[in-house]
Amino acid sequence: MARKKKRKRKCYTRLGERIAALARRQWELGDVLGVSQQTISKKLRGETAILVADLEKLARHYKVHMAYFFEDWRP
C-alpha cells in the first residue's frame, strides 16, 4: 500500500520557526501544551496545524505578546 505524502504548509512552518525560538528543547514545548514531543515535532515542521489556543498558551508561558508569532509576516 502506498504511503500518503505529508503536505507541509508554509504558514505553519513559519509559525513553527517562531515557536522553536522560544524553547531550547521540544519536550519543553510539549509540557507547556500538554502534548507529546512527536506532536510538537510535527507542528514545528508544518505537518500539523498550530492552533490559536496553542499560541495563547505559549505566549502566556514564555511571557511574549501574541504578535511575537507574526512579526515580519509576509504572505
PDB file of N, CA and C in Angstrom:
ATOM      1  N   MET A   1       0.829  -1.173   0.000  1.00  0.00           N
ATOM      2  CA  MET A   1       0.000   0.000   0.000  1.00  0.00           C
ATOM      3  C   MET A   1       0.883   1.251   0.000  1.00  0.00           C
ATOM      4  N   ALA A   2       0.584   2.168  -0.861  1.00  0.00           N
ATOM      5  CA  ALA A   2       1.390   3.394  -0.970  1.00  0.00           C
ATOM      6  C   ALA A   2       1.114   4.306   0.224  1.00  0.00           C
ATOM      7  N   ARG A   3       2.193   4.913   0.716  1.00  0.00           N
ATOM      8  CA  ARG A   3       2.044   5.838   1.838  1.00  0.00           C
ATOM      9  C   ARG A   3       1.676   7.205   1.313  1.00  0.00           C
ATOM     10  N   LYS A   4       0.806   7.858   2.038  1.00  0.00           N
ATOM     11  CA  LYS A   4       0.368   9.190   1.666  1.00  0.00           C
ATOM     12  C   LYS A   4       1.458  10.196   2.047  1.00  0.00           C
ATOM     13  N   LYS A   5       1.845  11.036   1.104  1.00  0.00           N
ATOM     14  CA  LYS A   5       2.872  12.037   1.364  1.00  0.00           C
ATOM     15  C   LYS A   5       2.273  13.152   2.221  1.00  0.00           C
ATOM     16  N   LYS A   6       2.994  13.517   3.285  1.00  0.00           N
ATOM     17  CA  LYS A   6       2.519  14.565   4.167  1.00  0.00           C
ATOM     18  C   LYS A   6       2.767  15.914   3.531  1.00  0.00           C
ATOM     19  N   ARG A   7       1.761  16.754   3.586  1.00  0.00           N
ATOM     20  CA  ARG A   7       1.840  18.062   2.973  1.00  0.00           C
ATOM     21  C   ARG A   7       2.210  19.099   4.028  1.00  0.00           C
ATOM     22  N   LYS A   8       3.266  19.817   3.781  1.00  0.00           N
ATOM     23  CA  LYS A   8       3.668  20.870   4.697  1.00  0.00           C
ATOM     24  C   LYS A   8       3.002  22.171   4.287  1.00  0.00           C
ATOM     25  N   ARG A   9       2.632  22.945   5.262  1.00  0.00           N
ATOM     26  CA  ARG A   9       2.026  24.241   4.990  1.00  0.00           C
ATOM     27  C   ARG A   9       3.003  25.326   5.374  1.00  0.00           C
ATOM     28  N   LYS A  10       3.239  26.209   4.449  1.00  0.00           N
ATOM     29  CA  LYS A  10       4.238  27.250   4.631  1.00  0.00           C
ATOM     30  C   LYS A  10       3.951  28.112   5.858  1.00  0.00           C
ATOM     31  N   CYS A  11       2.684  28.470   6.079  1.00  0.00           N
ATOM     32  CA  CYS A  11       2.356  29.327   7.218  1.00  0.00           C
ATOM     33  C   CYS A  11       2.639  28.606   8.535  1.00  0.00           C
ATOM     34  N   TYR A  12       2.390  27.301   8.600  1.00  0.00           N
ATOM     35  CA  TYR A  12       2.661  26.551   9.821  1.00  0.00           C
ATOM     36  C   TYR A  12       4.162  26.427  10.057  1.00  0.00           C
ATOM     37  N   THR A  13       4.914  26.299   8.972  1.00  0.00           N
ATOM     38  CA  THR A  13       6.361  26.203   9.098  1.00  0.00           C
ATOM     39  C   THR A  13       6.936  27.495   9.658  1.00  0.00           C
ATOM     40  N   ARG A  14       6.428  28.636   9.200  1.00  0.00           N
ATOM     41  CA  ARG A  14       6.879  29.929   9.727  1.00  0.00           C
ATOM     42  C   ARG A  14       6.562  30.055  11.210  1.00  0.00           C
ATOM     43  N   LEU A  15       5.358  29.670  11.578  1.00  0.00           N
ATOM     44  CA  LEU A  15       4.991  29.708  12.998  1.00  0.00           C
ATOM     45  C   LEU A  15       5.869  28.760  13.800  1.00  0.00           C
ATOM     46  N   GLY A  16       6.138  27.604  13.235  1.00  0.00           N
ATOM     47  CA  GLY A  16       6.989  26.623  13.900  1.00  0.00           C
ATOM     48  C   GLY A  16       8.374  27.171  14.198  1.00  0.00           C
ATOM     49  N   GLU A  17       8.914  27.937  13.275  1.00  0.00           N
ATOM     50  CA  GLU A  17      10.232  28.547  13.484  1.00  0.00           C
ATOM     51  C   GLU A  17      10.195  29.545  14.647  1.00  0.00           C
ATOM     52  N   ARG A  18       9.132  30.326  14.713  1.00  0.00           N
ATOM     53  CA  ARG A  18       8.998  31.299  15.805  1.00  0.00           C
ATOM     54  C   ARG A  18       8.823  30.583  17.144  1.00  0.00           C
ATOM     55  N   ILE A  19       8.051  29.510  17.143  1.00  0.00           N
ATOM     56  CA  ILE A  19       7.821  28.749  18.368  1.00  0.00           C
ATOM     57  C   ILE A  19       9.113  28.085  18.826  1.00  0.00           C
ATOM     58  N   ALA A  20       9.851  27.511  17.893  1.00  0.00           N
ATOM     59  CA  ALA A  20      11.106  26.826  18.227  1.00  0.00           C
ATOM     60  C   ALA A  20      12.106  27.783  18.862  1.00  0.00           C
ATOM     61  N   ALA A  21      12.040  29.044  18.492  1.00  0.00           N
ATOM     62  CA  ALA A  21      12.966  30.032  19.048  1.00  0.00           C
ATOM     63  C   ALA A  21      12.692  30.308  20.529  1.00  0.00           C
ATOM     64  N   LEU A  22      11.510  29.958  21.008  1.00  0.00           N
ATOM     65  CA  LEU A  22      11.152  30.208  22.411  1.00  0.00           C
ATOM     66  C   LEU A  22      11.800  29.221  23.378  1.00  0.00           C
ATOM     67  N   ALA A  23      11.920  27.973  22.980  1.00  0.00           N
ATOM     68  CA  ALA A  23      12.364  26.926  23.903  1.00  0.00           C
ATOM     69  C   ALA A  23      13.639  26.253  23.396  1.00  0.00           C
ATOM     70  N   ARG A  24      14.406  25.730  24.321  1.00  0.00           N
ATOM     71  CA  ARG A  24      15.628  25.015  23.956  1.00  0.00           C
ATOM     72  C   ARG A  24      15.338  23.600  23.473  1.00  0.00           C
ATOM     73  N   ARG A  25      14.315  22.993  24.034  1.00  0.00           N
ATOM     74  CA  ARG A  25      14.002  21.598  23.723  1.00  0.00           C
ATOM     75  C   ARG A  25      12.522  21.432  23.365  1.00  0.00           C
ATOM     76  N   GLN A  26      12.256  20.467  22.489  1.00  0.00           N
ATOM     77  CA  GLN A  26      10.875  20.213  22.089  1.00  0.00           C
ATOM     78  C   GLN A  26      10.037  19.704  23.248  1.00  0.00           C
ATOM     79  N   TRP A  27      10.648  18.955  24.162  1.00  0.00           N
ATOM     80  CA  TRP A  27       9.859  18.426  25.280  1.00  0.00           C
ATOM     81  C   TRP A  27       9.356  19.556  26.169  1.00  0.00           C
ATOM     82  N   GLU A  28      10.089  20.690  26.228  1.00  0.00           N
ATOM     83  CA  GLU A  28       9.599  21.844  26.995  1.00  0.00           C
ATOM     84  C   GLU A  28       8.288  22.342  26.403  1.00  0.00           C
ATOM     85  N   LEU A  29       8.248  22.453  25.078  1.00  0.00           N
ATOM     86  CA  LEU A  29       7.039  22.898  24.402  1.00  0.00           C
ATOM     87  C   LEU A  29       5.904  21.892  24.622  1.00  0.00           C
ATOM     88  N   GLY A  30       6.250  20.611  24.583  1.00  0.00           N
ATOM     89  CA  GLY A  30       5.258  19.564  24.821  1.00  0.00           C
ATOM     90  C   GLY A  30       4.656  19.659  26.205  1.00  0.00           C
ATOM     91  N   ASP A  31       5.492  19.949  27.201  1.00  0.00           N
ATOM     92  CA  ASP A  31       4.989  20.109  28.568  1.00  0.00           C
ATOM     93  C   ASP A  31       4.032  21.287  28.674  1.00  0.00           C
ATOM     94  N   VAL A  32       4.372  22.382  28.030  1.00  0.00           N
ATOM     95  CA  VAL A  32       3.527  23.580  28.085  1.00  0.00           C
ATOM     96  C   VAL A  32       2.178  23.316  27.417  1.00  0.00           C
ATOM     97  N   LEU A  33       2.204  22.637  26.272  1.00  0.00           N
ATOM     98  CA  LEU A  33       0.970  22.393  25.516  1.00  0.00           C
ATOM     99  C   LEU A  33       0.252  21.114  25.926  1.00  0.00           C
ATOM    100  N   GLY A  34       0.930  20.266  26.689  1.00  0.00           N
ATOM    101  CA  GLY A  34       0.301  19.012  27.121  1.00  0.00           C
ATOM    102  C   GLY A  34       0.204  17.986  26.006  1.00  0.00           C
ATOM    103  N   VAL A  35       1.205  17.974  25.123  1.00  0.00           N
ATOM    104  CA  VAL A  35       1.230  17.006  24.025  1.00  0.00           C
ATOM    105  C   VAL A  35       2.604  16.342  23.979  1.00  0.00           C
ATOM    106  N   SER A  36       2.715  15.300  23.168  1.00  0.00           N
ATOM    107  CA  SER A  36       3.979  14.565  23.070  1.00  0.00           C
ATOM    108  C   SER A  36       5.014  15.334  22.251  1.00  0.00           C
ATOM    109  N   GLN A  37       6.255  14.918  22.396  1.00  0.00           N
ATOM    110  CA  GLN A  37       7.343  15.517  21.623  1.00  0.00           C
ATOM    111  C   GLN A  37       7.121  15.265  20.131  1.00  0.00           C
ATOM    112  N   GLN A  38       6.565  14.125  19.793  1.00  0.00           N
ATOM    113  CA  GLN A  38       6.288  13.789  18.393  1.00  0.00           C
ATOM    114  C   GLN A  38       5.285  14.779  17.793  1.00  0.00           C
ATOM    115  N   THR A  39       4.264  15.125  18.557  1.00  0.00           N
ATOM    116  CA  THR A  39       3.269  16.088  18.092  1.00  0.00           C
ATOM    117  C   THR A  39       3.904  17.457  17.910  1.00  0.00           C
ATOM    118  N   ILE A  40       4.755  17.852  18.845  1.00  0.00           N
ATOM    119  CA  ILE A  40       5.460  19.134  18.730  1.00  0.00           C
ATOM    120  C   ILE A  40       6.312  19.137  17.468  1.00  0.00           C
ATOM    121  N   SER A  41       7.013  18.060  17.219  1.00  0.00           N
ATOM    122  CA  SER A  41       7.859  17.957  16.039  1.00  0.00           C
ATOM    123  C   SER A  41       7.046  18.150  14.760  1.00  0.00           C
ATOM    124  N   LYS A  42       5.882  17.534  14.697  1.00  0.00           N
ATOM    125  CA  LYS A  42       5.016  17.667  13.527  1.00  0.00           C
ATOM    126  C   LYS A  42       4.534  19.105  13.373  1.00  0.00           C
ATOM    127  N   LYS A  43       4.198  19.747  14.483  1.00  0.00           N
ATOM    128  CA  LYS A  43       3.752  21.142  14.427  1.00  0.00           C
ATOM    129  C   LYS A  43       4.879  22.049  13.933  1.00  0.00           C
ATOM    130  N   LEU A  44       6.085  21.843  14.429  1.00  0.00           N
ATOM    131  CA  LEU A  44       7.206  22.691  14.045  1.00  0.00           C
ATOM    132  C   LEU A  44       7.601  22.500  12.586  1.00  0.00           C
ATOM    133  N   ARG A  45       7.400  21.303  12.052  1.00  0.00           N
ATOM    134  CA  ARG A  45       7.728  21.028  10.646  1.00  0.00           C
ATOM    135  C   ARG A  45       6.618  21.441   9.692  1.00  0.00           C
ATOM    136  N   GLY A  46       5.468  21.842  10.229  1.00  0.00           N
ATOM    137  CA  GLY A  46       4.370  22.276   9.379  1.00  0.00           C
ATOM    138  C   GLY A  46       3.469  21.167   8.906  1.00  0.00           C
ATOM    139  N   GLU A  47       3.543  19.999   9.538  1.00  0.00           N
ATOM    140  CA  GLU A  47       2.718  18.858   9.132  1.00  0.00           C
ATOM    141  C   GLU A  47       1.389  18.816   9.872  1.00  0.00           C
ATOM    142  N   THR A  48       1.298  19.520  10.977  1.00  0.00           N
ATOM    143  CA  THR A  48       0.086  19.561  11.786  1.00  0.00           C
ATOM    144  C   THR A  48      -0.253  21.018  12.084  1.00  0.00           C
ATOM    145  N   ALA A  49      -1.522  21.307  12.142  1.00  0.00           N
ATOM    146  CA  ALA A  49      -1.968  22.681  12.400  1.00  0.00           C
ATOM    147  C   ALA A  49      -1.509  23.178  13.769  1.00  0.00           C
ATOM    148  N   ILE A  50      -1.184  24.445  13.807  1.00  0.00           N
ATOM    149  CA  ILE A  50      -0.863  25.106  15.072  1.00  0.00           C
ATOM    150  C   ILE A  50      -2.079  25.940  15.424  1.00  0.00           C
ATOM    151  N   LEU A  51      -2.716  25.586  16.519  1.00  0.00           N
ATOM    152  CA  LEU A  51      -3.953  26.238  16.913  1.00  0.00           C
ATOM    153  C   LEU A  51      -3.695  27.554  17.633  1.00  0.00           C
ATOM    154  N   VAL A  52      -4.657  28.454  17.543  1.00  0.00           N
ATOM    155  CA  VAL A  52      -4.554  29.734  18.239  1.00  0.00           C
ATOM    156  C   VAL A  52      -4.467  29.482  19.743  1.00  0.00           C
ATOM    157  N   ALA A  53      -5.172  28.486  20.228  1.00  0.00           N
ATOM    158  CA  ALA A  53      -5.117  28.147  21.655  1.00  0.00           C
ATOM    159  C   ALA A  53      -3.693  27.752  22.066  1.00  0.00           C
ATOM    160  N   ASP A  54      -2.991  27.049  21.171  1.00  0.00           N
ATOM    161  CA  ASP A  54      -1.594  26.683  21.437  1.00  0.00           C
ATOM    162  C   ASP A  54      -0.725  27.934  21.532  1.00  0.00           C
ATOM    163  N   LEU A  55      -0.932  28.855  20.611  1.00  0.00           N
ATOM    164  CA  LEU A  55      -0.161  30.102  20.623  1.00  0.00           C
ATOM    165  C   LEU A  55      -0.430  30.900  21.893  1.00  0.00           C
ATOM    166  N   GLU A  56      -1.677  30.921  22.332  1.00  0.00           N
ATOM    167  CA  GLU A  56      -2.026  31.632  23.569  1.00  0.00           C
ATOM    168  C   GLU A  56      -1.314  31.022  24.778  1.00  0.00           C
ATOM    169  N   LYS A  57      -1.309  29.704  24.863  1.00  0.00           N
ATOM    170  CA  LYS A  57      -0.622  29.029  25.975  1.00  0.00           C
ATOM    171  C   LYS A  57       0.869  29.344  25.973  1.00  0.00           C
ATOM    172  N   LEU A  58       1.477  29.276  24.794  1.00  0.00           N
ATOM    173  CA  LEU A  58       2.904  29.547  24.679  1.00  0.00           C
ATOM    174  C   LEU A  58       3.227  31.004  25.014  1.00  0.00           C
ATOM    175  N   ALA A  59       2.400  31.912  24.523  1.00  0.00           N
ATOM    176  CA  ALA A  59       2.617  33.337  24.800  1.00  0.00           C
ATOM    177  C   ALA A  59       2.531  33.612  26.294  1.00  0.00           C
ATOM    178  N   ARG A  60       1.557  33.010  26.946  1.00  0.00           N
ATOM    179  CA  ARG A  60       1.390  33.194  28.384  1.00  0.00           C
ATOM    180  C   ARG A  60       2.579  32.605  29.152  1.00  0.00           C
ATOM    181  N   HIS A  61       2.981  31.408  28.775  1.00  0.00           N
ATOM    182  CA  HIS A  61       4.067  30.717  29.479  1.00  0.00           C
ATOM    183  C   HIS A  61       5.411  31.432  29.309  1.00  0.00           C
ATOM    184  N   TYR A  62       5.710  31.845  28.081  1.00  0.00           N
ATOM    185  CA  TYR A  62       7.006  32.468  27.807  1.00  0.00           C
ATOM    186  C   TYR A  62       6.962  33.999  27.916  1.00  0.00           C
ATOM    187  N   LYS A  63       5.806  34.519  28.338  1.00  0.00           N
ATOM    188  CA  LYS A  63       5.634  35.961  28.566  1.00  0.00           C
ATOM    189  C   LYS A  63       5.997  36.802  27.343  1.00  0.00           C
ATOM    190  N   VAL A  64       5.418  36.410  26.210  1.00  0.00           N
ATOM    191  CA  VAL A  64       5.554  37.191  24.982  1.00  0.00           C
ATOM    192  C   VAL A  64       4.157  37.573  24.505  1.00  0.00           C
ATOM    193  N   HIS A  65       4.078  38.615  23.717  1.00  0.00           N
ATOM    194  CA  HIS A  65       2.801  39.049  23.167  1.00  0.00           C
ATOM    195  C   HIS A  65       2.449  38.151  21.981  1.00  0.00           C
ATOM    196  N   MET A  66       1.175  37.982  21.715  1.00  0.00           N
ATOM    197  CA  MET A  66       0.745  37.150  20.587  1.00  0.00           C
ATOM    198  C   MET A  66       1.340  37.643  19.268  1.00  0.00           C
ATOM    199  N   ALA A  67       1.601  38.929  19.175  1.00  0.00           N
ATOM    200  CA  ALA A  67       2.173  39.490  17.950  1.00  0.00           C
ATOM    201  C   ALA A  67       3.565  38.929  17.664  1.00  0.00           C
ATOM    202  N   TYR A  68       4.229  38.420  18.677  1.00  0.00           N
ATOM    203  CA  TYR A  68       5.565  37.824  18.512  1.00  0.00           C
ATOM    204  C   TYR A  68       5.565  36.761  17.407  1.00  0.00           C
ATOM    205  N   PHE A  69       4.516  35.965  17.353  1.00  0.00           N
ATOM    206  CA  PHE A  69       4.453  34.861  16.406  1.00  0.00           C
ATOM    207  C   PHE A  69       4.280  35.333  14.964  1.00  0.00           C
ATOM    208  N   PHE A  70       3.841  36.569  14.793  1.00  0.00           N
ATOM    209  CA  PHE A  70       3.529  37.067  13.449  1.00  0.00           C
ATOM    210  C   PHE A  70       4.412  38.234  13.008  1.00  0.00           C
ATOM    211  N   GLU A  71       5.445  38.549  13.781  1.00  0.00           N
ATOM    212  CA  GLU A  71       6.357  39.619  13.392  1.00  0.00           C
ATOM    213  C   GLU A  71       7.018  39.274  12.065  1.00  0.00           C
ATOM    214  N   ASP A  72       7.194  40.264  11.252  1.00  0.00           N
ATOM    215  CA  ASP A  72       7.813  40.105   9.927  1.00  0.00           C
ATOM    216  C   ASP A  72       7.081  39.109   9.057  1.00  0.00           C
ATOM    217  N   TRP A  73       5.776  39.009   9.239  1.00  0.00           N
ATOM    218  CA  TRP A  73       4.963  38.062   8.479  1.00  0.00           C
ATOM    219  C   TRP A  73       4.721  38.620   7.076  1.00  0.00           C
ATOM    220  N   ARG A  74       5.026  37.816   6.094  1.00  0.00           N
ATOM    221  CA  ARG A  74       4.768  38.198   4.697  1.00  0.00           C
ATOM    222  C   ARG A  74       4.038  37.053   4.024  1.00  0.00           C
ATOM    223  N   PRO A  75       2.930  37.357   3.362  1.00  0.00           N
ATOM    224  CA  PRO A  75       2.180  36.288   2.670  1.00  0.00           C
ATOM    225  C   PRO A  75       2.915  35.675   1.512  1.00  0.00           C
TER     226      PRO A  75
END
